[in-house]
Every structure is written in structure tokens, then in C-alpha cells.
Amino acid sequence: MECRSPNIEEENDCVLDDTESRSTPSEELEEEEDGAVDDDDYVCDDRRDLIFNVASYIKKERSLWTALRGSLPEKVALMMNHPISRVVKVLNQGRADVDDFGQGLIRNNIYRMYQRGEQTSIMSVLTVVKSNKDIGFSGSDIYLRMILLSMGFKEKWNKELKCDVLKENMEITLQRSNFLCAFTSLKKQGSSFVYLGDTSFYSQGHAPNEYSEDSDEEIQENVVLHAGGEKGFIEGAECVLESSKASITAERFNKWIKEKLLPKLKEPSIIIMDNSSIHNFPMPKKPSNTWSKDALRDFLSAHNVSFHPESTYQVLLHLSLTIVVKERYEVDDIIQTAGHQVLRLPPFHCHYNPIGLVWRDCKRYYESVRETRCEDNSNMEKWKEALQQVTVEKWKNFVMYTEKIIEEDWHQELQFDAEQKIVKIEIPQPDDEICPDPSKPTSSSLNRR
């Protein structure tokens, strides 16, 4: 995704020379007011992160700081062969490192603003978000707008306020209400909850958006699957895949659930997971025009639908598509067969899963002790240390913190309902499910984490 940067006059040459007349970053910012936006002023997310990482690297390496001439933006521009104005723009906008859990906190702040009847323009939300230290957001309104759009919010013009205000996708609102109701009910019944999730870490080299002097360094990303609850991590349930996240298929995930997680659960539990596509592999699949003629015949026979033996492909496909197939998912069948239940998070609500806080704690420890270059498995051992330092007491605190957020959100839902607030909503299509089963995922357009 790319975004438009503020107007700052572009320089023709990024190479800084003593013989050339150079403007300082402050002078360039003064010129910004009268400048025009150039098409080259777009800076992609990865490039923006790289600018920040190079700046951080220069500040740490004193020898490099001394060797390069000029201010910090000039040093970064020289190293990256970038226009100075572009570097100044990015550094002045601030960095927006917000993980899934932080995005959840941003969403909660917006809900609180709704509740208080406050204006929810981008600038109003930016002020509130920056004042929340738990989020740690230091970016500009441009970054915040990008984050909010990725979270399912959109801006709509408000005639009374005469400005754009943030509105949430109605399907997300319905899914959240349904989840809160189901979770609260199960909690009152004394159900045991197991929270599962995945994350990744680098056991070798730097992340792709991090600066490194060695362009040929070996990079090894590892993906972790794990689960836990109030009693800590489920012992023996960890699974580490030495590959990219793209390699976590539904087949591998289901195998991990069946062979490593479920055998370790000692009591019937409610397993909470997100709406990732690997969690939502359908069973059986719905018929489509990619099916063979024999597959369509088998499908019709399985559903006791009669058809002529000489029926054409188009006739068989039409008959198959008229059959209403109840949505089921492989992982649901596996979990329910073992005596447990599935409860899926609403889209963009990772802050309802305390394992997000656990991953934060693990990565903070791991990044403080890991080596970017190691020829043995020492970093893998350090990752195990990172998991071990998340004690049962920490898990309890993370779960309590998350459940408090869920409880507050549920009370807010009840308050809105009691006040009978009239909300203008988009009417769903006839085929849409108004109050879906909380164990089911949302439409594919919302299967984002």
C-alpha cells in the first residue's frame, strides 16, 4: 500500500556535496507550504520503515555518525541515495509501529469516543490515540488513516459536523456483538478457554525491512504455533516451522490441532481462534465450475438429488448449485469430535485474544538477546527462553486484562441497547446472515487479522 506524503519540495539530486548549496531540514519544511505535491512523493511502507531503521542504525554507530557529513536526514539520504526532502518528510511524520493488539486498542478508543458522543474525525482520533501510552503510536494522520482503513473503518461526510467522520463496517459490528454475547455466556457457565495463535521470529539475519550492512546475509524466518490460557502455555503444544508464514496451510494447521494441541487438553475447552483462512477451510467444499462431471454426480447422489444419467455438465452444475450446503470447517469437526468447541474472534479484534500480549512479551525478550549472525542453533534456544520467561502469573495477568476489555465492551453494547440509540446502518443483502453463529468466520472480504 502506498500513501501520499505531505507537500515538501523535491530536490533534483540526493548526493550531498560541500560545494552545493543545501537547505537544512527546517528550511525545507518552511518551503513545504508553497510547494506542490509531486508524483514521486509517494513512499511505500517498506521503504518508509527502511528509512527509520537506517536512521536508527546511524545514531547507534558513532563511527558512522562521525564519518558522514550533515544532519541525520542528510546522512540517511546519502546512505540510501534518496532525496533529502523525502527523508525529511518520513522522519517528521513519525513512525507507526502498531501490532494487532495495538490496533485493537485504537478501535476501543474510537468506541469510547462514540459512547461519549465525541467527533470521530481522523485528527480527533489521532489526539486520543497519541495520548494512550499502551498503544505507543507516534505517527502522523497519514499513517493513522492507513491503519484505520486496513481495520475496516471508512470515512463518511457528516453534514452537521461538516467534516469526515469514521464509520465501522456493519458486518464487523454484528460479529463483535455476537462474539461478546457468546463469550460472556460461556464465561458465566464456568467454561475453560484456550487461546491459540501464531507469530514469527528471525533466527538468522534481519527482517526484510530492517537495515543491514551485509546485503548477502542469510535470513531465516520461523513461524510458531502455540496455545495457552490462565494456567500458562499448553505444555508440549508448541510447533515451530522454519519457513515463511505462507507455508502454514490449512492441512498443516489441522494436523497440529489434531496431533499436538488436542491430546494435551485435559478438560473440555472453548478454543478461541481468529478468522485466518487456514482456520476456515470448508468441509465439504461448495460445487463450482472447476468440478468434474463425476464429482458433481457424486455430490448430487450424496444429497439424495435425482438426475438423469445422460444429463449434461451444465445441468448437473445447475442442480448442484441449487442445493443449500450448511457451512462446516475441517478444524471445527476435528475439535468438536474431541469434545471441545470453537469460538472465533470478530474480524480485526486480535485484542480479544491474550496471546497477542504473550507474543509481545516473548519478542521483547527475544530481540534483547538474539544474535543477527549465528552459525549454530543458539537463537532457537533463545526463543525457547523467551517462551519460558512468560510465567503462569504473566499469562493470568494477560488473560485478566483481556477479559476486562471484553467485559467493558459487552457492558457498552448493553448500554447502547438500553438507550435504544438509532443508528443508520447499511441493510444487508437477503443472503447475508444477520446474527451468525459465533463459531463461524465472516465473509472472505473480512478474513483479515
Protein backbone atom coordinates (compact mmCIF):
# COMPACT_ATOMS: atom_id res chain seq x y z
CA MET A 1 0.00 0.00 0.00
CA GLU A 2 1.27 3.47 -0.81
CA CYS A 3 0.27 6.79 0.64
CA ARG A 4 0.73 10.43 -0.27
CA SER A 5 3.27 12.29 1.81
CA PRO A 6 2.88 15.94 2.83
CA ASN A 7 3.96 18.58 0.34
CA ILE A 8 7.69 19.14 0.57
CA GLU A 9 9.65 20.49 -2.36
CA GLU A 10 11.65 17.75 -4.07
CA GLU A 11 15.37 18.13 -4.75
CA ASN A 12 16.82 17.02 -8.05
CA ASP A 13 19.91 15.42 -6.56
CA CYS A 14 20.21 13.50 -3.32
CA VAL A 15 24.04 13.46 -3.29
CA LEU A 16 25.19 16.00 -0.75
CA ASP A 17 28.33 17.92 -1.60
CA ASP A 18 30.03 20.76 0.26
CA THR A 19 30.22 22.76 -2.98
CA GLU A 20 26.46 22.63 -3.46
CA SER A 21 24.07 24.94 -1.68
CA ARG A 22 21.96 22.77 0.59
CA SER A 23 18.88 23.63 2.55
CA THR A 24 18.53 22.36 6.08
CA PRO A 25 15.57 20.12 7.04
CA SER A 26 13.92 23.05 8.83
CA GLU A 27 14.29 25.24 5.71
CA GLU A 28 12.76 22.52 3.56
CA LEU A 29 9.81 22.27 5.92
CA GLU A 30 9.29 26.04 5.62
CA GLU A 31 9.25 25.67 1.83
CA GLU A 32 6.60 22.96 2.16
CA GLU A 33 3.70 25.38 2.49
CA ASP A 34 4.17 26.79 -1.01
CA GLY A 35 5.35 23.57 -2.62
CA ALA A 36 3.36 21.30 -4.89
CA VAL A 37 2.97 17.57 -4.45
CA ASP A 38 5.00 15.57 -6.93
CA ASP A 39 4.10 12.08 -8.07
CA ASP A 40 7.45 10.94 -6.67
CA ASP A 41 6.36 11.96 -3.16
CA TYR A 42 4.71 8.58 -2.59
CA VAL A 43 6.68 6.41 -0.17
CA CYS A 44 5.78 2.75 0.22
CA ASP A 45 5.54 1.15 3.67
CA ASP A 46 8.70 -0.96 3.36
CA ARG A 47 10.77 2.00 2.14
CA ARG A 48 9.44 4.15 4.96
CA ASP A 49 10.39 1.51 7.55
CA LEU A 50 13.83 1.19 5.99
CA ILE A 51 14.41 4.95 6.31
CA PHE A 52 13.65 4.75 10.02
CA ASN A 53 15.88 1.72 10.51
CA VAL A 54 18.80 3.35 8.71
CA ALA A 55 18.37 6.46 10.87
CA SER A 56 18.37 4.30 14.00
CA TYR A 57 21.47 2.42 12.81
CA ILE A 58 23.38 5.66 12.13
CA LYS A 59 22.58 7.01 15.59
CA LYS A 60 23.87 3.81 17.23
CA GLU A 61 27.11 3.58 15.23
CA ARG A 62 29.20 6.52 16.40
CA SER A 63 31.94 5.88 13.83
CA LEU A 64 29.39 6.07 11.03
CA TRP A 65 27.85 9.20 12.53
CA THR A 66 31.26 10.88 12.53
CA ALA A 67 32.20 9.74 9.02
CA LEU A 68 29.06 11.09 7.33
CA ARG A 69 28.54 14.81 6.87
CA GLY A 70 25.48 16.83 7.76
CA SER A 71 22.39 16.32 9.90
CA LEU A 72 20.67 12.98 10.48
CA PRO A 73 18.30 13.33 7.48
CA GLU A 74 21.27 14.25 5.28
CA LYS A 75 23.26 11.23 6.48
CA VAL A 76 20.29 8.92 5.77
CA ALA A 77 19.75 10.47 2.33
CA LEU A 78 23.42 9.99 1.48
CA MET A 79 23.47 6.34 2.57
CA MET A 80 20.23 5.43 0.81
CA ASN A 81 20.74 7.63 -2.26
CA HIS A 82 17.36 9.25 -1.53
CA PRO A 83 16.25 12.87 -1.98
CA ILE A 84 16.76 14.75 1.29
CA SER A 85 13.22 16.16 1.16
CA ARG A 86 11.71 12.68 1.06
CA VAL A 87 13.75 11.55 4.06
CA VAL A 88 12.76 14.68 6.00
CA LYS A 89 9.08 14.04 5.25
CA VAL A 90 9.19 10.48 6.50
CA LEU A 91 11.17 11.28 9.67
CA ASN A 92 8.93 14.23 10.52
CA GLN A 93 5.74 12.20 10.10
CA GLY A 94 6.89 9.79 12.78
CA ARG A 95 6.83 6.02 12.86
CA ALA A 96 3.70 3.95 13.26
CA ASP A 97 4.72 0.54 14.55
CA VAL A 98 1.34 -0.76 15.72
CA ASP A 99 0.80 -4.51 16.04
CA ASP A 100 -2.54 -6.33 16.01
CA PHE A 101 -3.07 -5.78 19.73
CA GLY A 102 -2.31 -2.07 19.39
CA GLN A 103 -4.86 -1.82 16.60
CA GLY A 104 -7.42 -3.32 18.95
CA LEU A 105 -6.69 -0.61 21.49
CA ILE A 106 -7.13 2.04 18.79
CA ARG A 107 -10.51 0.52 17.94
CA ASN A 108 -11.54 0.60 21.61
CA ASN A 109 -10.60 4.28 21.87
CA ILE A 110 -12.85 5.03 18.90
CA TYR A 111 -15.72 3.11 20.55
CA ARG A 112 -15.26 5.18 23.70
CA MET A 113 -15.48 8.32 21.57
CA TYR A 114 -18.73 7.03 20.04
CA GLN A 115 -20.06 6.40 23.54
CA ARG A 116 -19.18 9.90 24.75
CA GLY A 117 -20.72 11.44 21.65
CA GLU A 118 -17.41 12.91 20.52
CA GLN A 119 -16.41 13.75 16.96
CA THR A 120 -14.51 10.91 15.30
CA SER A 121 -12.55 12.71 12.63
CA ILE A 122 -9.04 11.50 11.85
CA MET A 123 -7.43 14.39 13.73
CA SER A 124 -9.66 13.89 16.79
CA VAL A 125 -8.84 10.19 16.90
CA LEU A 126 -5.14 10.95 16.39
CA THR A 127 -5.11 13.16 19.51
CA VAL A 128 -6.77 10.46 21.63
CA VAL A 129 -4.60 7.64 20.29
CA LYS A 130 -1.34 9.51 20.85
CA SER A 131 -2.33 10.18 24.47
CA ASN A 132 -2.65 6.43 25.13
CA LYS A 133 0.81 5.15 26.11
CA ASP A 134 -0.26 1.49 25.81
CA ILE A 135 -0.67 1.94 22.04
CA GLY A 136 2.67 3.67 21.56
CA PHE A 137 1.59 5.41 18.35
CA SER A 138 3.82 8.28 17.25
CA GLY A 139 2.86 8.57 13.58
CA SER A 140 1.02 11.23 11.63
CA ASP A 141 -2.61 11.40 10.50
CA ILE A 142 -1.48 9.83 7.21
CA TYR A 143 -0.27 6.69 8.99
CA LEU A 144 -3.35 6.57 11.20
CA ARG A 145 -5.67 6.80 8.19
CA MET A 146 -3.84 3.88 6.54
CA ILE A 147 -4.17 1.78 9.71
CA LEU A 148 -7.86 2.58 10.17
CA LEU A 149 -8.71 1.73 6.56
CA SER A 150 -6.95 -1.63 6.97
CA MET A 151 -9.06 -2.22 10.12
CA GLY A 152 -12.38 -1.93 8.29
CA PHE A 153 -13.18 1.73 9.05
CA LYS A 154 -14.12 4.23 6.38
CA GLU A 155 -14.63 7.97 6.31
CA LYS A 156 -18.06 9.45 5.60
CA TRP A 157 -19.03 13.08 5.27
CA ASN A 158 -21.11 14.37 8.19
CA LYS A 159 -23.36 17.25 7.15
CA GLU A 160 -23.89 18.51 10.70
CA LEU A 161 -20.22 18.49 11.69
CA LYS A 162 -19.13 19.42 8.14
CA CYS A 163 -16.21 17.00 8.19
CA ASP A 164 -15.39 13.36 7.50
CA VAL A 165 -16.06 11.02 10.44
CA LEU A 166 -15.11 7.37 10.90
CA LYS A 167 -17.74 4.66 10.43
CA GLU A 168 -17.25 0.96 11.07
CA ASN A 169 -18.31 -1.77 8.65
CA MET A 170 -21.70 -3.04 9.89
CA GLU A 171 -20.78 -6.69 9.44
CA ILE A 172 -17.86 -6.24 11.85
CA THR A 173 -20.18 -4.59 14.37
CA LEU A 174 -22.58 -7.54 14.20
CA GLN A 175 -19.78 -10.08 14.54
CA ARG A 176 -18.37 -8.29 17.58
CA SER A 177 -21.76 -8.14 19.31
CA ASN A 178 -22.30 -11.83 18.64
CA PHE A 179 -18.85 -12.77 19.99
CA LEU A 180 -19.26 -10.69 23.15
CA CYS A 181 -22.63 -12.30 23.86
CA ALA A 182 -21.28 -15.84 23.33
CA PHE A 183 -18.08 -15.28 25.35
CA THR A 184 -19.95 -13.72 28.29
CA SER A 185 -22.46 -16.56 28.37
CA LEU A 186 -19.73 -19.24 28.27
CA LYS A 187 -17.76 -17.41 30.97
CA LYS A 188 -20.77 -17.44 33.29
CA GLN A 189 -21.08 -21.19 32.73
CA GLY A 190 -17.53 -21.63 34.03
CA SER A 191 -16.09 -22.79 30.70
CA SER A 192 -12.35 -23.25 30.29
CA PHE A 193 -10.82 -21.13 27.50
CA VAL A 194 -7.79 -21.98 25.37
CA TYR A 195 -6.32 -19.20 23.22
CA LEU A 196 -4.31 -20.18 20.17
CA GLY A 197 -2.32 -18.08 17.74
CA ASP A 198 0.75 -17.85 15.55
CA THR A 199 3.69 -15.48 15.25
CA SER A 200 7.07 -15.35 13.56
CA PHE A 201 10.66 -14.56 14.53
CA TYR A 202 14.02 -14.42 12.76
CA SER A 203 16.63 -16.89 13.94
CA GLN A 204 19.10 -15.71 11.30
CA GLY A 205 19.68 -12.25 9.85
CA HIS A 206 17.49 -9.16 9.81
CA ALA A 207 13.86 -8.79 8.83
CA PRO A 208 13.43 -7.65 5.17
CA ASN A 209 12.53 -4.08 6.22
CA GLU A 210 15.47 -3.76 8.63
CA TYR A 211 18.74 -2.15 7.63
CA SER A 212 21.82 -4.36 7.34
CA GLU A 213 25.32 -3.66 6.04
CA ASP A 214 25.52 -7.21 4.67
CA SER A 215 23.27 -7.45 1.62
CA ASP A 216 24.07 -11.15 1.20
CA GLU A 217 23.32 -12.23 4.75
CA GLU A 218 21.30 -15.39 5.27
CA ILE A 219 17.77 -14.77 6.51
CA GLN A 220 15.77 -17.46 8.30
CA GLU A 221 12.21 -16.77 9.36
CA ASN A 222 10.43 -19.16 11.71
CA VAL A 223 6.71 -19.45 12.30
CA VAL A 224 5.36 -20.54 15.68
CA LEU A 225 2.02 -22.15 16.52
CA HIS A 226 1.13 -22.32 20.20
CA ALA A 227 -1.76 -22.09 22.66
CA GLY A 228 -2.35 -21.33 26.31
CA GLY A 229 -4.65 -19.96 28.97
CA GLU A 230 -4.81 -19.00 32.64
CA LYS A 231 -2.55 -21.93 33.53
CA GLY A 232 0.15 -20.87 31.08
CA PHE A 233 1.23 -22.37 27.76
CA ILE A 234 -0.19 -25.80 26.90
CA GLU A 235 2.89 -27.90 27.59
CA GLY A 236 4.15 -29.74 24.52
CA ALA A 237 1.82 -27.93 22.09
CA GLU A 238 4.44 -25.67 20.51
CA CYS A 239 5.16 -26.10 16.80
CA VAL A 240 7.99 -24.23 15.02
CA LEU A 241 8.14 -24.19 11.22
CA GLU A 242 11.40 -22.97 9.70
CA SER A 243 9.79 -21.19 6.78
CA SER A 244 7.59 -18.24 5.86
CA LYS A 245 4.03 -17.70 7.02
CA ALA A 246 2.77 -18.57 3.56
CA SER A 247 3.74 -22.18 4.23
CA ILE A 248 1.22 -22.56 7.07
CA THR A 249 -1.51 -24.34 5.18
CA ALA A 250 -4.88 -25.50 6.47
CA GLU A 251 -3.58 -29.07 6.25
CA ARG A 252 -0.57 -28.32 8.49
CA PHE A 253 -2.70 -26.32 10.91
CA ASN A 254 -5.28 -29.09 11.22
CA LYS A 255 -2.52 -31.64 11.74
CA TRP A 256 -1.07 -29.52 14.55
CA ILE A 257 -4.52 -29.21 16.17
CA LYS A 258 -5.18 -32.94 15.94
CA GLU A 259 -1.77 -34.34 16.88
CA LYS A 260 -0.21 -31.76 19.23
CA LEU A 261 -2.84 -29.50 20.78
CA LEU A 262 -5.95 -31.61 21.42
CA PRO A 263 -4.12 -34.55 23.10
CA LYS A 264 -2.69 -32.07 25.64
CA LEU A 265 -6.06 -30.64 26.73
CA LYS A 266 -7.15 -32.25 29.99
CA GLU A 267 -10.73 -30.93 30.09
CA PRO A 268 -13.44 -29.83 27.64
CA SER A 269 -12.46 -26.36 26.48
CA ILE A 270 -13.58 -23.43 24.35
CA ILE A 271 -10.83 -22.89 21.77
CA ILE A 272 -10.62 -19.28 20.64
CA MET A 273 -9.04 -18.53 17.26
CA ASP A 274 -9.11 -15.76 14.68
CA ASN A 275 -10.57 -15.62 11.16
CA SER A 276 -7.43 -16.63 9.28
CA SER A 277 -8.07 -18.55 6.07
CA ILE A 278 -6.16 -21.58 7.39
CA HIS A 279 -8.77 -21.84 10.17
CA ASN A 280 -11.69 -21.68 7.74
CA PHE A 281 -11.05 -24.50 5.29
CA PRO A 282 -14.56 -25.61 4.21
CA MET A 283 -15.84 -29.16 4.54
CA PRO A 284 -17.35 -30.18 2.24
CA LYS A 285 -16.44 -27.72 -0.49
CA LYS A 286 -19.24 -26.00 -2.36
CA PRO A 287 -19.70 -27.03 -6.01
CA SER A 288 -18.15 -24.80 -8.66
CA ASN A 289 -17.42 -24.85 -12.39
CA THR A 290 -13.97 -26.27 -11.60
CA TRP A 291 -15.54 -29.58 -10.53
CA SER A 292 -15.51 -32.55 -12.86
CA LYS A 293 -18.69 -34.20 -14.09
CA ASP A 294 -18.13 -37.25 -11.89
CA ALA A 295 -17.59 -35.04 -8.83
CA LEU A 296 -20.91 -33.28 -9.48
CA ARG A 297 -22.68 -36.65 -9.83
CA ASP A 298 -21.19 -37.83 -6.53
CA PHE A 299 -22.23 -34.59 -4.83
CA LEU A 300 -25.83 -34.89 -6.05
CA SER A 301 -26.02 -38.53 -5.03
CA ALA A 302 -24.69 -37.72 -1.56
CA HIS A 303 -27.51 -35.18 -1.15
CA ASN A 304 -30.19 -37.57 -2.49
CA VAL A 305 -30.89 -35.48 -5.59
CA SER A 306 -32.09 -37.47 -8.60
CA PHE A 307 -30.72 -36.70 -12.08
CA HIS A 308 -30.79 -38.33 -15.50
CA PRO A 309 -27.73 -40.46 -16.27
CA GLU A 310 -27.30 -38.61 -19.57
CA SER A 311 -27.54 -35.11 -18.05
CA THR A 312 -25.06 -32.59 -19.43
CA TYR A 313 -22.41 -30.88 -17.35
CA GLN A 314 -24.38 -27.61 -17.25
CA VAL A 315 -27.49 -29.36 -15.94
CA LEU A 316 -25.52 -31.18 -13.23
CA LEU A 317 -23.80 -27.95 -12.18
CA HIS A 318 -27.12 -26.09 -12.02
CA LEU A 319 -28.67 -28.81 -9.84
CA SER A 320 -25.63 -28.80 -7.56
CA LEU A 321 -25.71 -25.03 -7.07
CA THR A 322 -29.37 -25.13 -6.02
CA ILE A 323 -28.50 -27.28 -3.01
CA VAL A 324 -28.04 -25.32 0.20
CA VAL A 325 -24.93 -26.66 1.89
CA LYS A 326 -24.50 -25.92 5.58
CA GLU A 327 -21.10 -24.35 6.15
CA ARG A 328 -18.72 -26.58 8.05
CA TYR A 329 -14.99 -26.37 8.58
CA GLU A 330 -12.50 -29.16 8.93
CA VAL A 331 -10.93 -27.75 12.08
CA ASP A 332 -14.39 -27.42 13.69
CA ASP A 333 -15.14 -31.08 13.07
CA ILE A 334 -11.74 -32.12 14.45
CA ILE A 335 -12.18 -30.04 17.61
CA GLN A 336 -15.82 -30.96 18.21
CA THR A 337 -15.10 -34.66 17.73
CA ALA A 338 -12.55 -34.36 20.55
CA GLY A 339 -15.20 -32.87 22.85
CA HIS A 340 -14.31 -29.17 22.59
CA GLN A 341 -15.90 -26.08 21.00
CA VAL A 342 -14.67 -23.34 18.65
CA LEU A 343 -15.27 -19.63 19.21
CA ARG A 344 -13.91 -17.32 16.52
CA LEU A 345 -12.86 -13.74 17.09
CA PRO A 346 -14.62 -10.98 15.16
CA PRO A 347 -12.52 -9.54 12.32
CA PHE A 348 -9.79 -7.07 13.37
CA HIS A 349 -10.27 -7.88 17.08
CA CYS A 350 -6.99 -9.58 17.96
CA HIS A 351 -7.03 -7.66 21.26
CA TYR A 352 -9.71 -10.12 22.41
CA ASN A 353 -7.00 -12.81 22.36
CA PRO A 354 -4.44 -12.52 25.21
CA ILE A 355 -1.89 -14.50 23.23
CA GLY A 356 -1.21 -11.23 21.39
CA LEU A 357 0.18 -9.83 24.65
CA VAL A 358 2.15 -13.03 25.16
CA TRP A 359 3.80 -12.69 21.74
CA ARG A 360 4.65 -9.07 22.55
CA ASP A 361 6.39 -10.13 25.74
CA CYS A 362 8.24 -13.00 24.04
CA LYS A 363 9.51 -10.85 21.19
CA ARG A 364 10.62 -8.06 23.50
CA TYR A 365 12.78 -10.55 25.40
CA TYR A 366 13.99 -12.35 22.27
CA GLU A 367 15.07 -9.17 20.46
CA SER A 368 17.11 -8.15 23.50
CA VAL A 369 19.19 -11.36 23.49
CA ARG A 370 19.25 -12.70 19.93
CA GLU A 371 22.21 -12.51 17.55
CA THR A 372 21.69 -11.47 13.93
CA ARG A 373 24.50 -13.77 12.83
CA CYS A 374 24.97 -17.17 14.41
CA GLU A 375 26.24 -20.41 12.93
CA ASP A 376 24.51 -22.70 15.40
CA ASN A 377 21.02 -23.01 16.87
CA SER A 378 21.67 -20.57 19.71
CA ASN A 379 18.88 -18.25 18.58
CA MET A 380 16.41 -21.13 18.63
CA GLU A 381 17.43 -21.76 22.24
CA LYS A 382 16.96 -18.06 22.97
CA TRP A 383 13.43 -18.26 21.56
CA LYS A 384 12.70 -21.14 23.94
CA GLU A 385 13.98 -18.94 26.76
CA ALA A 386 11.61 -16.21 25.58
CA LEU A 387 8.68 -18.62 25.88
CA GLN A 388 9.80 -19.92 29.26
CA GLN A 389 10.05 -16.44 30.77
CA VAL A 390 6.29 -16.00 30.17
CA THR A 391 5.26 -17.47 33.51
CA VAL A 392 1.84 -18.68 34.61
CA GLU A 393 1.49 -15.45 36.57
CA LYS A 394 2.08 -13.42 33.39
CA TRP A 395 -0.46 -15.48 31.49
CA LYS A 396 -3.04 -14.89 34.24
CA ASN A 397 -2.46 -11.15 34.11
CA PHE A 398 -2.73 -11.10 30.31
CA VAL A 399 -5.97 -13.11 30.41
CA MET A 400 -7.44 -10.89 33.14
CA TYR A 401 -6.51 -7.76 31.19
CA THR A 402 -8.13 -9.11 28.01
CA GLU A 403 -11.27 -10.34 29.76
CA LYS A 404 -11.66 -6.92 31.36
CA ILE A 405 -11.65 -5.34 27.88
CA ILE A 406 -14.26 -7.87 26.70
CA GLU A 407 -16.40 -7.23 29.78
CA GLU A 408 -16.25 -3.45 29.29
CA ASP A 409 -17.17 -3.81 25.61
CA TRP A 410 -20.11 -6.05 26.49
CA HIS A 411 -21.41 -3.54 29.06
CA GLN A 412 -21.09 -0.88 26.39
CA GLU A 413 -23.16 -2.99 23.99
CA LEU A 414 -25.85 -3.40 26.67
CA GLN A 415 -25.81 0.32 27.37
CA PHE A 416 -26.33 1.17 23.71
CA ASP A 417 -29.15 -1.35 23.59
CA ALA A 418 -30.80 0.05 26.74
CA GLU A 419 -30.63 3.59 25.41
CA GLN A 420 -32.19 2.34 22.16
CA LYS A 421 -29.90 4.52 20.11
CA ILE A 422 -30.93 4.87 16.49
CA VAL A 423 -28.02 4.03 14.25
CA LYS A 424 -28.04 4.43 10.49
CA ILE A 425 -26.81 1.14 9.06
CA GLU A 426 -26.41 -0.44 5.66
CA ILE A 427 -29.14 -3.04 5.14
CA PRO A 428 -27.54 -6.47 4.45
CA GLN A 429 -28.43 -8.41 1.32
CA PRO A 430 -31.13 -11.13 1.64
CA ASP A 431 -28.49 -13.88 1.64
CA ASP A 432 -26.48 -12.26 4.46
CA GLU A 433 -26.71 -13.82 7.90
CA ILE A 434 -27.79 -11.12 10.36
CA CYS A 435 -26.80 -12.92 13.58
CA PRO A 436 -24.29 -15.56 12.51
CA ASP A 437 -23.02 -18.45 14.58
CA PRO A 438 -20.07 -17.14 16.66
CA SER A 439 -18.06 -20.22 15.77
CA LYS A 440 -18.22 -19.33 12.08
CA PRO A 441 -15.92 -16.89 10.26
CA THR A 442 -17.13 -13.86 8.36
CA SER A 443 -17.10 -13.38 4.63
CA SER A 444 -13.76 -13.73 2.85
CA SER A 445 -13.54 -9.97 2.42
CA LEU A 446 -13.17 -9.62 6.17
CA ASN A 447 -10.84 -12.54 6.83
CA ARG A 448 -8.03 -10.27 7.88
CA ARG A 449 -6.11 -10.34 11.04
